[in-house]
């Protein structure tokens, strides 16, 4: 394994850890808004880390095809970076319009 492949696998592992954290947050947090906050933040970070790891892993044998593949993955990263927070915000707005209750400590 080359250094680039090891770094790529580290990014992929970090992304999977973020996904695991988001899953735990969805299961443990008390209300809709808290769960969505955990899911939105950790889903974005997890996706970006996994995609960055895949982009680096595709560059292992440097060629024109691997560079083009990495650029396509970077474009996907940009889309995730822009769309995921917007989608989370839209879901929160829909929840507020539907009257989803906020959590209150009793």
N, C-alpha and C. Protein backbone atom coordinates (compact mmCIF):
# COMPACT_ATOMS: atom_id res chain seq x y z
N UNK A 1 0.84 -1.19 0.00
CA UNK A 1 0.00 0.00 0.00
C UNK A 1 0.88 1.24 0.00
N UNK A 2 0.45 2.21 -0.76
CA UNK A 2 1.19 3.46 -0.80
C UNK A 2 0.67 4.40 0.29
N UNK A 3 1.42 5.47 0.52
CA UNK A 3 1.01 6.47 1.51
C UNK A 3 -0.32 7.10 1.12
N UNK A 4 -0.52 7.35 -0.16
CA UNK A 4 -1.77 7.95 -0.63
C UNK A 4 -2.97 7.04 -0.34
N UNK A 5 -2.80 5.75 -0.52
CA UNK A 5 -3.88 4.81 -0.22
C UNK A 5 -4.17 4.76 1.27
N UNK A 6 -3.14 4.83 2.10
CA UNK A 6 -3.34 4.82 3.55
C UNK A 6 -4.08 6.08 4.00
N UNK A 7 -3.70 7.23 3.45
CA UNK A 7 -4.40 8.48 3.79
C UNK A 7 -5.85 8.41 3.33
N UNK A 8 -6.07 7.85 2.14
CA UNK A 8 -7.43 7.72 1.62
C UNK A 8 -8.27 6.82 2.53
N UNK A 9 -7.71 5.72 2.97
CA UNK A 9 -8.44 4.82 3.85
C UNK A 9 -8.72 5.47 5.20
N UNK A 10 -7.82 6.32 5.67
CA UNK A 10 -8.06 7.06 6.93
C UNK A 10 -9.24 8.01 6.77
N UNK A 11 -9.32 8.71 5.63
CA UNK A 11 -10.46 9.60 5.40
C UNK A 11 -11.77 8.82 5.30
N UNK A 12 -11.73 7.67 4.64
CA UNK A 12 -12.93 6.85 4.54
C UNK A 12 -13.35 6.35 5.92
N UNK A 13 -12.39 5.94 6.74
CA UNK A 13 -12.70 5.48 8.10
C UNK A 13 -13.28 6.63 8.94
N UNK A 14 -12.71 7.83 8.81
CA UNK A 14 -13.25 8.98 9.55
C UNK A 14 -14.68 9.27 9.11
N UNK A 15 -14.95 9.16 7.83
CA UNK A 15 -16.31 9.38 7.34
C UNK A 15 -17.28 8.36 7.91
N UNK A 16 -16.86 7.11 7.99
CA UNK A 16 -17.73 6.09 8.56
C UNK A 16 -17.97 6.32 10.04
N UNK A 17 -16.96 6.84 10.74
CA UNK A 17 -17.14 7.17 12.16
C UNK A 17 -18.14 8.31 12.31
N UNK A 18 -18.08 9.31 11.42
CA UNK A 18 -19.07 10.39 11.46
C UNK A 18 -20.48 9.84 11.19
N UNK A 19 -20.61 8.92 10.24
CA UNK A 19 -21.91 8.32 9.98
C UNK A 19 -22.41 7.57 11.21
N UNK A 20 -21.52 6.87 11.89
CA UNK A 20 -21.90 6.16 13.11
C UNK A 20 -22.37 7.14 14.18
N UNK A 21 -21.65 8.26 14.32
CA UNK A 21 -22.06 9.28 15.29
C UNK A 21 -23.42 9.86 14.96
N UNK A 22 -23.69 10.08 13.69
CA UNK A 22 -25.00 10.58 13.28
C UNK A 22 -26.10 9.59 13.59
N UNK A 23 -25.82 8.31 13.40
CA UNK A 23 -26.80 7.28 13.71
C UNK A 23 -27.10 7.24 15.20
N UNK A 24 -26.06 7.33 16.01
CA UNK A 24 -26.26 7.36 17.47
C UNK A 24 -27.06 8.60 17.86
N UNK A 25 -26.76 9.74 17.24
CA UNK A 25 -27.50 10.96 17.53
C UNK A 25 -28.97 10.85 17.17
N UNK A 26 -29.26 10.22 16.05
CA UNK A 26 -30.66 10.05 15.65
C UNK A 26 -31.39 9.16 16.65
N UNK A 27 -30.73 8.13 17.14
CA UNK A 27 -31.38 7.20 18.06
C UNK A 27 -31.51 7.75 19.48
N UNK A 28 -30.58 8.59 19.92
CA UNK A 28 -30.54 8.98 21.33
C UNK A 28 -31.12 10.35 21.64
N UNK A 29 -31.12 11.27 20.69
CA UNK A 29 -31.57 12.62 21.00
C UNK A 29 -33.10 12.68 21.13
N UNK A 30 -33.60 13.64 21.92
CA UNK A 30 -35.01 13.58 22.34
C UNK A 30 -36.05 14.04 21.33
N UNK A 31 -35.75 15.00 20.46
CA UNK A 31 -36.81 15.51 19.60
C UNK A 31 -36.35 15.61 18.15
N UNK A 32 -37.30 15.98 17.32
CA UNK A 32 -37.11 16.06 15.87
C UNK A 32 -35.97 16.99 15.50
N UNK A 33 -35.92 18.16 16.11
CA UNK A 33 -34.93 19.18 15.74
C UNK A 33 -33.52 18.78 16.17
N UNK A 34 -33.39 18.21 17.34
CA UNK A 34 -32.07 17.75 17.79
C UNK A 34 -31.56 16.61 16.92
N UNK A 35 -32.45 15.70 16.60
CA UNK A 35 -32.07 14.58 15.75
C UNK A 35 -31.65 15.05 14.36
N UNK A 36 -32.39 16.01 13.85
CA UNK A 36 -32.07 16.52 12.52
C UNK A 36 -30.76 17.29 12.52
N UNK A 37 -30.48 17.98 13.62
CA UNK A 37 -29.20 18.69 13.73
C UNK A 37 -28.04 17.70 13.68
N UNK A 38 -28.14 16.64 14.48
CA UNK A 38 -27.08 15.63 14.48
C UNK A 38 -26.95 14.96 13.12
N UNK A 39 -28.09 14.62 12.54
CA UNK A 39 -28.05 13.94 11.24
C UNK A 39 -27.49 14.85 10.16
N UNK A 40 -27.87 16.10 10.15
CA UNK A 40 -27.41 17.02 9.11
C UNK A 40 -25.93 17.30 9.18
N UNK A 41 -25.45 17.60 10.38
CA UNK A 41 -24.02 17.92 10.53
C UNK A 41 -23.15 16.70 10.23
N UNK A 42 -23.48 15.60 10.86
CA UNK A 42 -22.61 14.43 10.73
C UNK A 42 -22.75 13.76 9.37
N UNK A 43 -23.91 13.87 8.75
CA UNK A 43 -24.07 13.32 7.41
C UNK A 43 -23.22 14.09 6.40
N UNK A 44 -23.21 15.41 6.54
CA UNK A 44 -22.39 16.22 5.63
C UNK A 44 -20.91 15.92 5.83
N UNK A 45 -20.47 15.90 7.08
CA UNK A 45 -19.05 15.62 7.34
C UNK A 45 -18.67 14.20 6.92
N UNK A 46 -19.54 13.25 7.19
CA UNK A 46 -19.26 11.87 6.80
C UNK A 46 -19.16 11.71 5.29
N UNK A 47 -20.10 12.32 4.58
CA UNK A 47 -20.08 12.23 3.11
C UNK A 47 -18.84 12.88 2.53
N UNK A 48 -18.49 14.06 3.05
CA UNK A 48 -17.31 14.75 2.53
C UNK A 48 -16.04 13.96 2.79
N UNK A 49 -15.91 13.37 3.97
CA UNK A 49 -14.72 12.58 4.27
C UNK A 49 -14.64 11.33 3.40
N UNK A 50 -15.75 10.63 3.24
CA UNK A 50 -15.74 9.43 2.41
C UNK A 50 -15.43 9.78 0.96
N UNK A 51 -16.04 10.84 0.45
CA UNK A 51 -15.78 11.23 -0.94
C UNK A 51 -14.34 11.71 -1.14
N UNK A 52 -13.80 12.42 -0.15
CA UNK A 52 -12.39 12.83 -0.25
C UNK A 52 -11.48 11.61 -0.25
N UNK A 53 -11.79 10.64 0.60
CA UNK A 53 -11.01 9.41 0.60
C UNK A 53 -11.09 8.67 -0.72
N UNK A 54 -12.28 8.64 -1.32
CA UNK A 54 -12.42 7.99 -2.62
C UNK A 54 -11.66 8.73 -3.71
N UNK A 55 -11.68 10.07 -3.64
CA UNK A 55 -10.94 10.86 -4.63
C UNK A 55 -9.45 10.59 -4.51
N UNK A 56 -8.95 10.54 -3.28
CA UNK A 56 -7.52 10.25 -3.09
C UNK A 56 -7.18 8.83 -3.51
N UNK A 57 -8.08 7.89 -3.20
CA UNK A 57 -7.83 6.50 -3.56
C UNK A 57 -7.81 6.31 -5.08
N UNK A 58 -8.64 7.08 -5.78
CA UNK A 58 -8.66 6.95 -7.24
C UNK A 58 -7.40 7.52 -7.88
N UNK A 59 -6.66 8.35 -7.14
CA UNK A 59 -5.43 8.94 -7.68
C UNK A 59 -4.21 8.04 -7.48
N UNK A 60 -4.38 6.87 -6.88
CA UNK A 60 -3.23 6.02 -6.56
C UNK A 60 -2.37 5.72 -7.80
N UNK A 61 -2.89 5.21 -8.90
CA UNK A 61 -2.06 5.20 -10.11
C UNK A 61 -2.35 6.47 -10.91
N UNK A 62 -1.45 7.42 -10.87
CA UNK A 62 -1.68 8.72 -11.52
C UNK A 62 -1.77 8.53 -13.03
N UNK A 63 -2.91 8.93 -13.57
CA UNK A 63 -3.13 8.95 -15.01
C UNK A 63 -4.20 9.99 -15.30
N UNK A 64 -4.42 10.26 -16.55
CA UNK A 64 -5.45 11.24 -16.90
C UNK A 64 -6.82 10.76 -16.46
N UNK A 65 -7.09 9.48 -16.61
CA UNK A 65 -8.37 8.93 -16.21
C UNK A 65 -8.58 9.05 -14.70
N UNK A 66 -7.54 8.79 -13.92
CA UNK A 66 -7.69 8.89 -12.46
C UNK A 66 -7.88 10.33 -12.01
N UNK A 67 -7.22 11.27 -12.68
CA UNK A 67 -7.40 12.69 -12.34
C UNK A 67 -8.82 13.14 -12.69
N UNK A 68 -9.34 12.71 -13.83
CA UNK A 68 -10.71 13.06 -14.20
C UNK A 68 -11.71 12.45 -13.22
N UNK A 69 -11.46 11.23 -12.79
CA UNK A 69 -12.33 10.59 -11.81
C UNK A 69 -12.30 11.35 -10.49
N UNK A 70 -11.12 11.77 -10.06
CA UNK A 70 -11.00 12.53 -8.82
C UNK A 70 -11.71 13.88 -8.94
N UNK A 71 -11.64 14.52 -10.10
CA UNK A 71 -12.34 15.79 -10.30
C UNK A 71 -13.86 15.60 -10.25
N UNK A 72 -14.35 14.51 -10.80
CA UNK A 72 -15.78 14.23 -10.73
C UNK A 72 -16.21 14.02 -9.28
N UNK A 73 -15.40 13.32 -8.51
CA UNK A 73 -15.72 13.11 -7.10
C UNK A 73 -15.68 14.43 -6.34
N UNK A 74 -14.73 15.30 -6.67
CA UNK A 74 -14.68 16.62 -6.03
C UNK A 74 -15.91 17.45 -6.38
N UNK A 75 -16.42 17.32 -7.59
CA UNK A 75 -17.67 18.00 -7.94
C UNK A 75 -18.85 17.45 -7.13
N UNK A 76 -18.85 16.15 -6.91
CA UNK A 76 -19.88 15.55 -6.04
C UNK A 76 -19.75 16.09 -4.62
N UNK A 77 -18.51 16.27 -4.15
CA UNK A 77 -18.30 16.84 -2.81
C UNK A 77 -18.87 18.24 -2.74
N UNK A 78 -18.64 19.04 -3.77
CA UNK A 78 -19.18 20.40 -3.79
C UNK A 78 -20.70 20.38 -3.74
N UNK A 79 -21.31 19.47 -4.50
CA UNK A 79 -22.77 19.36 -4.50
C UNK A 79 -23.28 18.98 -3.11
N UNK A 80 -22.65 18.01 -2.48
CA UNK A 80 -23.06 17.59 -1.13
C UNK A 80 -22.89 18.75 -0.15
N UNK A 81 -21.78 19.48 -0.27
CA UNK A 81 -21.51 20.60 0.63
C UNK A 81 -22.56 21.69 0.49
N UNK A 82 -23.09 21.88 -0.71
CA UNK A 82 -24.11 22.91 -0.92
C UNK A 82 -25.52 22.40 -0.65
N UNK A 83 -25.82 21.17 -1.02
CA UNK A 83 -27.20 20.68 -0.97
C UNK A 83 -27.60 20.15 0.39
N UNK A 84 -26.71 19.51 1.11
CA UNK A 84 -27.09 18.88 2.37
C UNK A 84 -27.55 19.88 3.43
N UNK A 85 -26.82 20.97 3.67
CA UNK A 85 -27.34 21.94 4.65
C UNK A 85 -28.65 22.60 4.19
N UNK A 86 -28.79 22.82 2.90
CA UNK A 86 -30.04 23.41 2.39
C UNK A 86 -31.21 22.46 2.58
N UNK A 87 -30.99 21.19 2.33
CA UNK A 87 -32.04 20.20 2.52
C UNK A 87 -32.41 20.07 4.00
N UNK A 88 -31.42 20.09 4.87
CA UNK A 88 -31.69 20.02 6.31
C UNK A 88 -32.51 21.23 6.75
N UNK A 89 -32.16 22.41 6.25
CA UNK A 89 -32.90 23.62 6.60
C UNK A 89 -34.34 23.54 6.09
N UNK A 90 -34.54 23.01 4.90
CA UNK A 90 -35.89 22.87 4.36
C UNK A 90 -36.72 21.89 5.19
N UNK A 91 -36.10 20.82 5.66
CA UNK A 91 -36.82 19.85 6.49
C UNK A 91 -37.20 20.47 7.83
N UNK A 92 -36.30 21.27 8.41
CA UNK A 92 -36.62 21.96 9.66
C UNK A 92 -37.78 22.93 9.45
N UNK A 93 -37.75 23.68 8.36
CA UNK A 93 -38.86 24.60 8.07
C UNK A 93 -40.18 23.84 7.92
N UNK A 94 -40.14 22.69 7.25
CA UNK A 94 -41.35 21.89 7.10
C UNK A 94 -41.83 21.38 8.45
N UNK A 95 -40.91 20.99 9.31
CA UNK A 95 -41.29 20.55 10.65
C UNK A 95 -41.91 21.67 11.47
N UNK A 96 -41.36 22.87 11.35
CA UNK A 96 -41.94 24.00 12.07
C UNK A 96 -43.32 24.35 11.53
N UNK A 97 -43.49 24.29 10.21
CA UNK A 97 -44.80 24.55 9.62
C UNK A 97 -45.83 23.50 10.03
N UNK A 98 -45.38 22.26 10.21
CA UNK A 98 -46.28 21.18 10.61
C UNK A 98 -46.56 21.20 12.11
N UNK A 99 -45.85 22.05 12.85
CA UNK A 99 -46.10 22.15 14.29
C UNK A 99 -45.40 21.10 15.12
N UNK A 100 -44.27 20.63 14.66
CA UNK A 100 -43.52 19.65 15.46
C UNK A 100 -43.11 20.29 16.78
N UNK A 101 -43.37 19.61 17.89
CA UNK A 101 -43.07 20.22 19.20
C UNK A 101 -41.58 20.21 19.50
N UNK A 102 -41.15 21.23 20.24
CA UNK A 102 -39.77 21.29 20.72
C UNK A 102 -39.66 20.49 22.01
N UNK A 103 -38.46 19.99 22.27
CA UNK A 103 -38.23 19.23 23.49
C UNK A 103 -38.15 20.18 24.67
N UNK A 104 -38.77 19.79 25.77
CA UNK A 104 -38.69 20.55 27.01
C UNK A 104 -38.33 19.60 28.14
N UNK A 105 -37.40 20.03 28.97
CA UNK A 105 -37.01 19.21 30.11
C UNK A 105 -38.11 19.24 31.15
N UNK A 106 -38.47 18.08 31.67
CA UNK A 106 -39.56 18.02 32.64
C UNK A 106 -39.05 17.76 34.01
